[in-house]
């Protein structure tokens, strides 16, 4: 059975469009014929709101999978054609941090619990904004990281903090032969090409790629700012359902195709990457 490709959408800062990006990419992948599973690892459970999930599920979801060893297949909720979701379990996710903080190999628990999941081409993980034990689990479980970045300096700092977090995990576990996810790329969000600040931020992100600080990753095409994103969320609809021809919907469709193409290139044999350079922002 073909193993799904696992992408975690991660940034050490809130407000970067992380959950919006997850839902839009899931929708775009599904329209390309991919079977998608979203894992909501953020206790805020914004995925539940975006997809209009009305289940009063506060004790199940990912928390039950991690804490009670519940079969993850039993926790999936069908939200659209080709899209399933495992909800976070809300505040019960905090118990994972408390219960397993000092447990041996606790950084591998997500991979251990999710190994039985099947029937999907792509898994997307919505991560918490804080870097924590569950974040470490996500980095050791996923194949690739996608880093959303809104056009502000703090978001760029959040991207750099996430890159440092991954590098520290890699250094810490390098002798244990533990797989660490690769950074596939940065997704610039809420971009307005008319503003100098937005173009400056885009240049900053491009310098990270040029200096190989993304370690073979890339900067994807920017997703333009679009009021219709928020309008669709108020309607409890996906962007493509309410505004299929909107700027942001078109941009996310393009980024989804770029992600698939970049992933295919990453899986092919390639030359050893050059050493990362230092870049100031």
C-alpha atoms as a PDB file:
ATOM      1  CA  UNK A   1       0.000   0.000   0.000  1.00  0.00           C
ATOM      2  CA  UNK A   2       1.348   3.422  -0.985  1.00  0.00           C
ATOM      3  CA  UNK A   3       2.405   5.569   1.958  1.00  0.00           C
ATOM      4  CA  UNK A   4       0.783   9.014   2.135  1.00  0.00           C
ATOM      5  CA  UNK A   5       2.933  12.115   1.848  1.00  0.00           C
ATOM      6  CA  UNK A   6       2.747  13.988   5.149  1.00  0.00           C
ATOM      7  CA  UNK A   7       2.974  17.788   5.202  1.00  0.00           C
ATOM      8  CA  UNK A   8       2.972  19.838   8.386  1.00  0.00           C
ATOM      9  CA  UNK A   9       2.023  23.506   8.069  1.00  0.00           C
ATOM     10  CA  UNK A  10       4.076  25.145  10.796  1.00  0.00           C
ATOM     11  CA  UNK A  11       5.144  28.610  11.903  1.00  0.00           C
ATOM     12  CA  UNK A  12       6.184  29.844  15.340  1.00  0.00           C
ATOM     13  CA  UNK A  13       3.735  32.754  15.184  1.00  0.00           C
ATOM     14  CA  UNK A  14      -0.015  33.077  15.047  1.00  0.00           C
ATOM     15  CA  UNK A  15      -1.908  35.046  12.417  1.00  0.00           C
ATOM     16  CA  UNK A  16       0.089  33.854   9.398  1.00  0.00           C
ATOM     17  CA  UNK A  17      -2.896  32.188   7.710  1.00  0.00           C
ATOM     18  CA  UNK A  18      -1.837  28.704   8.782  1.00  0.00           C
ATOM     19  CA  UNK A  19      -5.296  27.151   9.164  1.00  0.00           C
ATOM     20  CA  UNK A  20      -6.634  28.988   6.113  1.00  0.00           C
ATOM     21  CA  UNK A  21      -3.704  27.582   4.139  1.00  0.00           C
ATOM     22  CA  UNK A  22      -4.413  24.052   5.409  1.00  0.00           C
ATOM     23  CA  UNK A  23      -8.073  24.158   4.368  1.00  0.00           C
ATOM     24  CA  UNK A  24      -7.379  25.740   0.981  1.00  0.00           C
ATOM     25  CA  UNK A  25      -4.598  23.287   0.153  1.00  0.00           C
ATOM     26  CA  UNK A  26      -6.707  20.320   1.243  1.00  0.00           C
ATOM     27  CA  UNK A  27      -9.474  21.513  -1.041  1.00  0.00           C
ATOM     28  CA  UNK A  28      -7.054  22.049  -3.944  1.00  0.00           C
ATOM     29  CA  UNK A  29      -5.454  18.618  -3.485  1.00  0.00           C
ATOM     30  CA  UNK A  30      -8.890  16.975  -3.307  1.00  0.00           C
ATOM     31  CA  UNK A  31      -9.892  18.607  -6.581  1.00  0.00           C
ATOM     32  CA  UNK A  32      -6.748  17.110  -8.112  1.00  0.00           C
ATOM     33  CA  UNK A  33      -8.083  13.688  -7.161  1.00  0.00           C
ATOM     34  CA  UNK A  34      -6.024  13.225  -3.993  1.00  0.00           C
ATOM     35  CA  UNK A  35      -7.537  11.676  -0.871  1.00  0.00           C
ATOM     36  CA  UNK A  36      -6.641  14.011   1.960  1.00  0.00           C
ATOM     37  CA  UNK A  37      -6.589  13.669   5.742  1.00  0.00           C
ATOM     38  CA  UNK A  38      -6.237  16.774   7.909  1.00  0.00           C
ATOM     39  CA  UNK A  39      -4.873  16.243  11.420  1.00  0.00           C
ATOM     40  CA  UNK A  40      -5.724  19.164  13.682  1.00  0.00           C
ATOM     41  CA  UNK A  41      -2.962  19.327  16.298  1.00  0.00           C
ATOM     42  CA  UNK A  42      -3.885  22.847  17.441  1.00  0.00           C
ATOM     43  CA  UNK A  43      -6.086  22.911  20.533  1.00  0.00           C
ATOM     44  CA  UNK A  44      -7.807  26.048  19.207  1.00  0.00           C
ATOM     45  CA  UNK A  45      -9.508  23.709  16.690  1.00  0.00           C
ATOM     46  CA  UNK A  46     -10.003  26.370  14.024  1.00  0.00           C
ATOM     47  CA  UNK A  47     -10.248  23.656  11.370  1.00  0.00           C
ATOM     48  CA  UNK A  48     -13.547  22.663  12.966  1.00  0.00           C
ATOM     49  CA  UNK A  49     -14.906  26.170  12.388  1.00  0.00           C
ATOM     50  CA  UNK A  50     -13.650  26.556   8.825  1.00  0.00           C
ATOM     51  CA  UNK A  51     -15.217  23.283   7.710  1.00  0.00           C
ATOM     52  CA  UNK A  52     -18.418  23.934   9.660  1.00  0.00           C
ATOM     53  CA  UNK A  53     -18.052  20.752  11.715  1.00  0.00           C
ATOM     54  CA  UNK A  54     -20.875  20.730  14.264  1.00  0.00           C
ATOM     55  CA  UNK A  55     -19.753  17.736  16.313  1.00  0.00           C
ATOM     56  CA  UNK A  56     -19.458  18.548  19.994  1.00  0.00           C
ATOM     57  CA  UNK A  57     -16.255  16.554  20.155  1.00  0.00           C
ATOM     58  CA  UNK A  58     -14.111  17.713  23.063  1.00  0.00           C
ATOM     59  CA  UNK A  59     -12.787  14.408  24.334  1.00  0.00           C
ATOM     60  CA  UNK A  60     -12.022  12.513  21.137  1.00  0.00           C
ATOM     61  CA  UNK A  61      -9.904  13.333  18.149  1.00  0.00           C
ATOM     62  CA  UNK A  62      -6.121  13.446  18.217  1.00  0.00           C
ATOM     63  CA  UNK A  63      -6.073  13.704  22.017  1.00  0.00           C
ATOM     64  CA  UNK A  64      -7.767  10.296  22.264  1.00  0.00           C
ATOM     65  CA  UNK A  65      -5.335   8.829  19.725  1.00  0.00           C
ATOM     66  CA  UNK A  66      -2.305  10.073  21.667  1.00  0.00           C
ATOM     67  CA  UNK A  67      -3.521   9.613  25.229  1.00  0.00           C
ATOM     68  CA  UNK A  68      -5.778   6.553  24.994  1.00  0.00           C
ATOM     69  CA  UNK A  69      -4.290   4.765  21.975  1.00  0.00           C
ATOM     70  CA  UNK A  70      -7.615   4.955  20.117  1.00  0.00           C
ATOM     71  CA  UNK A  71      -7.423   3.791  16.491  1.00  0.00           C
ATOM     72  CA  UNK A  72      -7.011   7.007  14.449  1.00  0.00           C
ATOM     73  CA  UNK A  73      -9.170   5.575  11.669  1.00  0.00           C
ATOM     74  CA  UNK A  74     -12.094   5.663  14.125  1.00  0.00           C
ATOM     75  CA  UNK A  75     -11.520   9.360  14.808  1.00  0.00           C
ATOM     76  CA  UNK A  76     -11.816  10.559  11.211  1.00  0.00           C
ATOM     77  CA  UNK A  77     -14.705  12.823  10.189  1.00  0.00           C
ATOM     78  CA  UNK A  78     -15.699  13.214   6.516  1.00  0.00           C
ATOM     79  CA  UNK A  79     -16.017  16.935   5.799  1.00  0.00           C
ATOM     80  CA  UNK A  80     -15.943  17.078   1.992  1.00  0.00           C
ATOM     81  CA  UNK A  81     -15.479  14.686  -0.884  1.00  0.00           C
ATOM     82  CA  UNK A  82     -11.920  13.304  -0.599  1.00  0.00           C
ATOM     83  CA  UNK A  83     -11.288  15.223   2.653  1.00  0.00           C
ATOM     84  CA  UNK A  84     -11.379  13.759   6.176  1.00  0.00           C
ATOM     85  CA  UNK A  85     -10.393  15.436   9.440  1.00  0.00           C
ATOM     86  CA  UNK A  86      -9.124  14.216  12.795  1.00  0.00           C
ATOM     87  CA  UNK A  87     -10.102  16.936  15.264  1.00  0.00           C
ATOM     88  CA  UNK A  88      -7.667  17.995  17.961  1.00  0.00           C
ATOM     89  CA  UNK A  89      -9.660  17.135  21.062  1.00  0.00           C
ATOM     90  CA  UNK A  90      -9.343  20.771  22.176  1.00  0.00           C
ATOM     91  CA  UNK A  91      -8.021  21.429  25.663  1.00  0.00           C
ATOM     92  CA  UNK A  92      -7.298  17.727  26.205  1.00  0.00           C
ATOM     93  CA  UNK A  93      -4.246  18.201  23.984  1.00  0.00           C
ATOM     94  CA  UNK A  94      -2.622  19.908  26.977  1.00  0.00           C
ATOM     95  CA  UNK A  95      -2.724  16.607  28.840  1.00  0.00           C
ATOM     96  CA  UNK A  96      -0.370  15.140  26.263  1.00  0.00           C
ATOM     97  CA  UNK A  97       2.320  17.648  27.213  1.00  0.00           C
ATOM     98  CA  UNK A  98       1.842  16.947  30.924  1.00  0.00           C
ATOM     99  CA  UNK A  99       1.597  13.168  30.659  1.00  0.00           C
ATOM    100  CA  UNK A 100       4.481  12.527  28.291  1.00  0.00           C
ATOM    101  CA  UNK A 101       6.944  15.317  29.049  1.00  0.00           C
ATOM    102  CA  UNK A 102       9.433  12.857  30.580  1.00  0.00           C
ATOM    103  CA  UNK A 103       8.388   9.673  28.785  1.00  0.00           C
ATOM    104  CA  UNK A 104      11.196   7.923  26.831  1.00  0.00           C
ATOM    105  CA  UNK A 105      10.787   8.282  23.056  1.00  0.00           C
ATOM    106  CA  UNK A 106       7.797  10.590  23.591  1.00  0.00           C
ATOM    107  CA  UNK A 107       8.879  12.506  20.493  1.00  0.00           C
ATOM    108  CA  UNK A 108       7.924   9.467  18.391  1.00  0.00           C
ATOM    109  CA  UNK A 109       4.474   8.861  19.850  1.00  0.00           C
ATOM    110  CA  UNK A 110       2.523  10.526  17.035  1.00  0.00           C
ATOM    111  CA  UNK A 111       4.216   8.351  14.415  1.00  0.00           C
ATOM    112  CA  UNK A 112       3.612   5.250  16.522  1.00  0.00           C
ATOM    113  CA  UNK A 113      -0.079   6.008  17.024  1.00  0.00           C
ATOM    114  CA  UNK A 114      -0.718   7.020  13.400  1.00  0.00           C
ATOM    115  CA  UNK A 115       1.067   4.091  11.735  1.00  0.00           C
ATOM    116  CA  UNK A 116      -2.232   2.231  11.181  1.00  0.00           C
ATOM    117  CA  UNK A 117      -3.860   5.040   9.185  1.00  0.00           C
ATOM    118  CA  UNK A 118      -4.484   4.153   5.543  1.00  0.00           C
ATOM    119  CA  UNK A 119      -6.414   5.132   2.450  1.00  0.00           C
ATOM    120  CA  UNK A 120      -4.954   8.624   1.957  1.00  0.00           C
ATOM    121  CA  UNK A 121      -2.601  10.169  -0.585  1.00  0.00           C
ATOM    122  CA  UNK A 122      -1.822  13.249   1.482  1.00  0.00           C
ATOM    123  CA  UNK A 123      -1.900  14.065   5.204  1.00  0.00           C
ATOM    124  CA  UNK A 124      -1.890  17.735   6.241  1.00  0.00           C
ATOM    125  CA  UNK A 125      -1.164  18.672   9.850  1.00  0.00           C
ATOM    126  CA  UNK A 126      -2.357  21.926  11.387  1.00  0.00           C
ATOM    127  CA  UNK A 127       0.236  22.677  14.067  1.00  0.00           C
ATOM    128  CA  UNK A 128       0.037  24.770  17.243  1.00  0.00           C
ATOM    129  CA  UNK A 129       1.768  28.182  17.067  1.00  0.00           C
ATOM    130  CA  UNK A 130       3.876  27.375  20.142  1.00  0.00           C
ATOM    131  CA  UNK A 131       6.859  25.050  19.744  1.00  0.00           C
ATOM    132  CA  UNK A 132       6.303  22.141  22.119  1.00  0.00           C
ATOM    133  CA  UNK A 133       6.423  18.365  22.544  1.00  0.00           C
ATOM    134  CA  UNK A 134       3.590  17.904  20.059  1.00  0.00           C
ATOM    135  CA  UNK A 135       5.542  20.106  17.624  1.00  0.00           C
ATOM    136  CA  UNK A 136       8.556  17.819  18.030  1.00  0.00           C
ATOM    137  CA  UNK A 137       6.306  14.819  17.347  1.00  0.00           C
ATOM    138  CA  UNK A 138       5.043  16.494  14.199  1.00  0.00           C
ATOM    139  CA  UNK A 139       8.581  17.154  12.943  1.00  0.00           C
ATOM    140  CA  UNK A 140       9.538  13.502  13.459  1.00  0.00           C
ATOM    141  CA  UNK A 141       6.301  12.218  11.900  1.00  0.00           C
ATOM    142  CA  UNK A 142       5.865  14.410   8.837  1.00  0.00           C
ATOM    143  CA  UNK A 143       7.831  14.184   5.612  1.00  0.00           C
ATOM    144  CA  UNK A 144       7.850  17.881   4.782  1.00  0.00           C
ATOM    145  CA  UNK A 145       7.243  21.245   6.428  1.00  0.00           C
ATOM    146  CA  UNK A 146       5.368  24.106   4.784  1.00  0.00           C
ATOM    147  CA  UNK A 147       5.966  27.464   6.474  1.00  0.00           C
ATOM    148  CA  UNK A 148       3.276  30.138   5.950  1.00  0.00           C
ATOM    149  CA  UNK A 149       4.514  33.695   6.362  1.00  0.00           C
ATOM    150  CA  UNK A 150       2.391  36.848   6.349  1.00  0.00           C
ATOM    151  CA  UNK A 151       3.978  40.161   5.250  1.00  0.00           C
ATOM    152  CA  UNK A 152       5.373  41.402   8.545  1.00  0.00           C
ATOM    153  CA  UNK A 153       8.746  41.194  10.253  1.00  0.00           C
ATOM    154  CA  UNK A 154       7.500  39.099  13.182  1.00  0.00           C
ATOM    155  CA  UNK A 155       6.297  36.440  10.761  1.00  0.00           C
ATOM    156  CA  UNK A 156       9.754  36.299   9.182  1.00  0.00           C
ATOM    157  CA  UNK A 157      11.212  35.926  12.671  1.00  0.00           C
ATOM    158  CA  UNK A 158       8.663  33.155  13.281  1.00  0.00           C
ATOM    159  CA  UNK A 159       9.869  31.373  10.140  1.00  0.00           C
ATOM    160  CA  UNK A 160      13.485  31.659  11.290  1.00  0.00           C
ATOM    161  CA  UNK A 161      12.557  30.372  14.758  1.00  0.00           C
ATOM    162  CA  UNK A 162      10.827  27.397  13.150  1.00  0.00           C
ATOM    163  CA  UNK A 163      13.903  26.682  11.024  1.00  0.00           C
ATOM    164  CA  UNK A 164      16.089  26.833  14.144  1.00  0.00           C
ATOM    165  CA  UNK A 165      13.662  24.551  15.995  1.00  0.00           C
ATOM    166  CA  UNK A 166      13.910  21.932  13.253  1.00  0.00           C
ATOM    167  CA  UNK A 167      17.695  22.251  13.131  1.00  0.00           C
ATOM    168  CA  UNK A 168      17.917  21.745  16.906  1.00  0.00           C
ATOM    169  CA  UNK A 169      15.746  18.627  16.714  1.00  0.00           C
ATOM    170  CA  UNK A 170      17.920  17.301  13.909  1.00  0.00           C
ATOM    171  CA  UNK A 171      21.091  17.896  15.946  1.00  0.00           C
ATOM    172  CA  UNK A 172      19.611  16.398  19.100  1.00  0.00           C
ATOM    173  CA  UNK A 173      18.473  13.171  17.461  1.00  0.00           C
ATOM    174  CA  UNK A 174      21.129  12.702  14.775  1.00  0.00           C
ATOM    175  CA  UNK A 175      22.684   9.717  16.589  1.00  0.00           C
ATOM    176  CA  UNK A 176      19.312   8.000  17.070  1.00  0.00           C
ATOM    177  CA  UNK A 177      18.625   7.637  13.343  1.00  0.00           C
ATOM    178  CA  UNK A 178      15.282   9.381  13.745  1.00  0.00           C
ATOM    179  CA  UNK A 179      13.736  10.786  10.557  1.00  0.00           C
ATOM    180  CA  UNK A 180      13.321  14.549  10.635  1.00  0.00           C
ATOM    181  CA  UNK A 181      11.008  16.293   8.186  1.00  0.00           C
ATOM    182  CA  UNK A 182      12.489  18.452   5.432  1.00  0.00           C
ATOM    183  CA  UNK A 183      11.482  22.042   4.816  1.00  0.00           C
ATOM    184  CA  UNK A 184       9.702  21.952   1.463  1.00  0.00           C
ATOM    185  CA  UNK A 185       9.216  25.690   1.367  1.00  0.00           C
ATOM    186  CA  UNK A 186       7.702  28.941   2.553  1.00  0.00           C
ATOM    187  CA  UNK A 187       4.211  30.043   1.494  1.00  0.00           C
ATOM    188  CA  UNK A 188       3.927  33.860   1.534  1.00  0.00           C
ATOM    189  CA  UNK A 189       0.356  34.683   2.579  1.00  0.00           C
ATOM    190  CA  UNK A 190      -1.818  37.835   2.494  1.00  0.00           C
ATOM    191  CA  UNK A 191       0.556  39.375  -0.035  1.00  0.00           C
ATOM    192  CA  UNK A 192      -0.142  42.776  -1.586  1.00  0.00           C
ATOM    193  CA  UNK A 193       2.270  43.498  -4.420  1.00  0.00           C
ATOM    194  CA  UNK A 194       1.352  47.204  -4.287  1.00  0.00           C
ATOM    195  CA  UNK A 195       2.942  47.637  -0.854  1.00  0.00           C
ATOM    196  CA  UNK A 196       6.688  48.140  -0.483  1.00  0.00           C
ATOM    197  CA  UNK A 197       6.702  46.266   2.830  1.00  0.00           C
ATOM    198  CA  UNK A 198       5.215  43.149   1.253  1.00  0.00           C
ATOM    199  CA  UNK A 199       7.811  43.184  -1.523  1.00  0.00           C
ATOM    200  CA  UNK A 200      10.604  43.696   1.033  1.00  0.00           C
ATOM    201  CA  UNK A 201       9.370  40.700   3.052  1.00  0.00           C
ATOM    202  CA  UNK A 202       9.231  38.622  -0.130  1.00  0.00           C
ATOM    203  CA  UNK A 203      12.843  39.613  -0.831  1.00  0.00           C
ATOM    204  CA  UNK A 204      13.828  38.588   2.710  1.00  0.00           C
ATOM    205  CA  UNK A 205      12.250  35.168   2.204  1.00  0.00           C
ATOM    206  CA  UNK A 206      13.939  34.758  -1.160  1.00  0.00           C
ATOM    207  CA  UNK A 207      17.309  35.452   0.481  1.00  0.00           C
ATOM    208  CA  UNK A 208      16.683  32.520   2.824  1.00  0.00           C
ATOM    209  CA  UNK A 209      16.240  30.278  -0.221  1.00  0.00           C
ATOM    210  CA  UNK A 210      19.236  31.764  -2.047  1.00  0.00           C
ATOM    211  CA  UNK A 211      21.465  31.180   1.000  1.00  0.00           C
ATOM    212  CA  UNK A 212      20.200  27.578   1.228  1.00  0.00           C
ATOM    213  CA  UNK A 213      18.861  28.166   4.733  1.00  0.00           C
ATOM    214  CA  UNK A 214      15.784  26.241   3.570  1.00  0.00           C
ATOM    215  CA  UNK A 215      18.105  23.303   2.781  1.00  0.00           C
ATOM    216  CA  UNK A 216      16.764  22.648  -0.666  1.00  0.00           C
ATOM    217  CA  UNK A 217      13.346  24.147   0.028  1.00  0.00           C
ATOM    218  CA  UNK A 218      11.890  27.033  -1.932  1.00  0.00           C
ATOM    219  CA  UNK A 219       9.664  30.082  -1.688  1.00  0.00           C
ATOM    220  CA  UNK A 220       6.332  29.282  -3.299  1.00  0.00           C
ATOM    221  CA  UNK A 221       4.254  31.773  -5.259  1.00  0.00           C
ATOM    222  CA  UNK A 222       2.656  34.299  -2.906  1.00  0.00           C
ATOM    223  CA  UNK A 223      -1.023  34.072  -1.999  1.00  0.00           C
ATOM    224  CA  UNK A 224      -2.575  37.477  -2.557  1.00  0.00           C
ATOM    225  CA  UNK A 225      -4.524  39.226   0.172  1.00  0.00           C
ATOM    226  CA  UNK A 226      -8.233  38.779  -0.427  1.00  0.00           C
ATOM    227  CA  UNK A 227     -11.193  39.892   1.701  1.00  0.00           C
ATOM    228  CA  UNK A 228     -13.157  36.984   0.258  1.00  0.00           C
ATOM    229  CA  UNK A 229     -11.150  34.601   2.452  1.00  0.00           C
ATOM    230  CA  UNK A 230     -12.769  36.018   5.588  1.00  0.00           C
ATOM    231  CA  UNK A 231     -16.164  36.300   3.897  1.00  0.00           C
ATOM    232  CA  UNK A 232     -16.111  32.592   3.038  1.00  0.00           C
ATOM    233  CA  UNK A 233     -15.143  31.724   6.629  1.00  0.00           C
ATOM    234  CA  UNK A 234     -18.095  33.697   7.999  1.00  0.00           C
ATOM    235  CA  UNK A 235     -20.335  31.630   5.724  1.00  0.00           C
ATOM    236  CA  UNK A 236     -18.680  28.416   7.044  1.00  0.00           C
ATOM    237  CA  UNK A 237     -17.702  27.671   3.454  1.00  0.00           C
ATOM    238  CA  UNK A 238     -14.408  26.854   1.809  1.00  0.00           C
ATOM    239  CA  UNK A 239     -13.005  29.623  -0.350  1.00  0.00           C
ATOM    240  CA  UNK A 240     -13.526  27.656  -3.570  1.00  0.00           C
ATOM    241  CA  UNK A 241     -17.159  26.981  -2.646  1.00  0.00           C
ATOM    242  CA  UNK A 242     -18.079  30.639  -2.250  1.00  0.00           C
ATOM    243  CA  UNK A 243     -15.539  32.357  -4.488  1.00  0.00           C
ATOM    244  CA  UNK A 244     -13.895  29.850  -6.839  1.00  0.00           C
ATOM    245  CA  UNK A 245     -12.527  32.607  -9.089  1.00  0.00           C
ATOM    246  CA  UNK A 246     -11.140  34.764  -6.285  1.00  0.00           C
ATOM    247  CA  UNK A 247      -7.478  35.771  -6.271  1.00  0.00           C
ATOM    248  CA  UNK A 248      -6.652  33.713  -3.174  1.00  0.00           C
ATOM    249  CA  UNK A 249      -8.433  30.601  -4.496  1.00  0.00           C
ATOM    250  CA  UNK A 250      -6.465  30.788  -7.738  1.00  0.00           C
ATOM    251  CA  UNK A 251      -3.219  31.314  -5.825  1.00  0.00           C
ATOM    252  CA  UNK A 252      -3.764  28.370  -3.485  1.00  0.00           C
ATOM    253  CA  UNK A 253      -4.554  26.140  -6.471  1.00  0.00           C
ATOM    254  CA  UNK A 254      -1.233  27.188  -8.004  1.00  0.00           C
ATOM    255  CA  UNK A 255       0.674  26.594  -4.758  1.00  0.00           C
ATOM    256  CA  UNK A 256      -0.902  23.132  -4.417  1.00  0.00           C
ATOM    257  CA  UNK A 257       0.403  22.188  -7.856  1.00  0.00           C
ATOM    258  CA  UNK A 258       3.816  23.627  -7.002  1.00  0.00           C
ATOM    259  CA  UNK A 259       3.914  21.575  -3.792  1.00  0.00           C
ATOM    260  CA  UNK A 260       3.218  18.356  -5.689  1.00  0.00           C
ATOM    261  CA  UNK A 261       5.848  19.194  -8.324  1.00  0.00           C
ATOM    262  CA  UNK A 262       8.453  20.146  -5.706  1.00  0.00           C
ATOM    263  CA  UNK A 263       7.755  16.985  -3.710  1.00  0.00           C
ATOM    264  CA  UNK A 264       8.290  14.861  -6.815  1.00  0.00           C
ATOM    265  CA  UNK A 265      11.636  16.578  -7.407  1.00  0.00           C
ATOM    266  CA  UNK A 266      12.649  16.078  -3.757  1.00  0.00           C
ATOM    267  CA  UNK A 267      12.057  12.340  -3.967  1.00  0.00           C
ATOM    268  CA  UNK A 268      14.413  11.972  -6.937  1.00  0.00           C
ATOM    269  CA  UNK A 269      18.184  11.454  -6.381  1.00  0.00           C
ATOM    270  CA  UNK A 270      19.957  14.789  -6.287  1.00  0.00           C
ATOM    271  CA  UNK A 271      23.348  16.251  -5.562  1.00  0.00           C
ATOM    272  CA  UNK A 272      24.505  16.986  -2.011  1.00  0.00           C
ATOM    273  CA  UNK A 273      23.181  20.351  -0.913  1.00  0.00           C
ATOM    274  CA  UNK A 274      25.600  23.174  -0.271  1.00  0.00           C
ATOM    275  CA  UNK A 275      26.298  24.383   3.231  1.00  0.00           C
ATOM    276  CA  UNK A 276      23.809  26.998   4.524  1.00  0.00           C
ATOM    277  CA  UNK A 277      25.083  30.576   4.639  1.00  0.00           C
ATOM    278  CA  UNK A 278      24.406  33.196   7.273  1.00  0.00           C
ATOM    279  CA  UNK A 279      21.817  35.779   6.267  1.00  0.00           C
ATOM    280  CA  UNK A 280      20.667  38.757   8.282  1.00  0.00           C
ATOM    281  CA  UNK A 281      17.091  40.011   8.106  1.00  0.00           C
END
